[in-house]
Protein backbone atom coordinates (compact mmCIF):
# COMPACT_ATOMS: atom_id res chain seq x y z
CA TYR A 1 18.88 20.06 -29.81
CA SER A 2 21.64 19.66 -27.31
CA ASP A 3 25.09 21.13 -27.05
CA ALA A 4 28.08 18.86 -26.46
CA ASP A 5 27.74 18.79 -22.66
CA LEU A 6 27.34 15.13 -21.67
CA GLU A 7 24.49 15.74 -19.22
CA HIS A 8 22.64 17.77 -21.84
CA VAL A 9 23.07 14.94 -24.36
CA TRP A 10 21.59 12.44 -21.87
CA GLU A 11 18.68 14.77 -21.11
CA ALA A 12 18.05 15.24 -24.84
CA LEU A 13 18.06 11.47 -25.35
CA PHE A 14 15.50 10.90 -22.59
CA THR A 15 13.39 13.81 -23.82
CA MET A 16 13.38 12.23 -27.28
CA THR A 17 12.41 8.80 -25.96
CA ASN A 18 9.58 10.32 -23.91
CA LEU A 19 8.30 12.23 -26.94
CA PHE A 20 8.51 9.10 -29.10
CA ARG A 21 6.56 7.11 -26.48
CA GLU A 22 3.87 9.82 -26.19
CA VAL A 23 3.34 9.77 -29.96
CA ALA A 24 3.91 6.08 -30.70
CA GLN A 25 1.39 4.70 -28.23
CA PRO A 26 -1.67 6.51 -29.63
CA VAL A 27 -0.51 5.95 -33.22
CA ALA A 28 -0.17 2.22 -32.52
CA ASP A 29 -3.66 2.22 -31.00
CA GLN A 30 -5.10 4.10 -33.98
CA TYR A 31 -3.76 1.50 -36.42
CA ALA A 32 -4.49 -1.53 -34.20
CA PHE A 33 -0.84 -2.30 -33.50
CA SER A 34 0.44 -3.22 -30.09
CA TYR A 35 3.02 -0.88 -28.61
CA PRO A 36 5.95 -2.89 -27.18
CA SER A 37 5.75 -1.45 -23.67
CA GLY A 38 7.99 -4.18 -22.25
CA ASP A 39 10.71 -3.45 -24.79
CA ASP A 40 10.32 0.25 -24.11
CA ALA A 41 10.76 -0.28 -20.37
CA ARG A 42 13.79 -2.56 -20.82
CA VAL A 43 15.54 -0.17 -23.22
CA THR A 44 14.83 2.77 -20.91
CA ALA A 45 16.19 0.85 -17.91
CA PHE A 46 19.29 -0.09 -19.91
CA LEU A 47 19.92 3.53 -20.92
CA ARG A 48 19.45 4.72 -17.34
CA HIS A 49 21.94 2.08 -16.19
CA VAL A 50 24.50 3.05 -18.86
CA ARG A 51 24.15 6.67 -17.80
CA THR A 52 25.35 5.75 -14.29
CA LEU A 53 28.50 3.96 -15.46
CA PRO A 54 31.84 5.60 -14.77
CA PRO A 55 33.67 6.97 -17.83
CA ASP A 56 36.30 4.23 -17.59
CA ALA A 57 33.82 1.33 -17.34
CA ALA A 58 35.05 -1.77 -19.16
CA ARG A 59 31.71 -3.58 -18.95
CA ILE A 60 28.08 -2.59 -18.93
CA TYR A 61 27.13 -5.26 -16.36
CA GLU A 62 29.30 -7.08 -13.86
CA GLU A 63 29.60 -10.78 -14.55
CA GLU A 64 27.47 -12.92 -12.30
CA SER A 65 29.37 -15.39 -10.14
């Protein structure tokens, strides 16, 4: 569990996602399900991007011109 420090919360989130991935992949294999690795990678990239945003960010991504 994390305290209320923002960096600790982020670290706890990424620790949880890593643990989930480590368990979910072999469980999926055991029951002949496919693990959505692409979704996992996209969600992880999104979270890493959000983590870098300034506190006053109005948008997650800049609009493309």
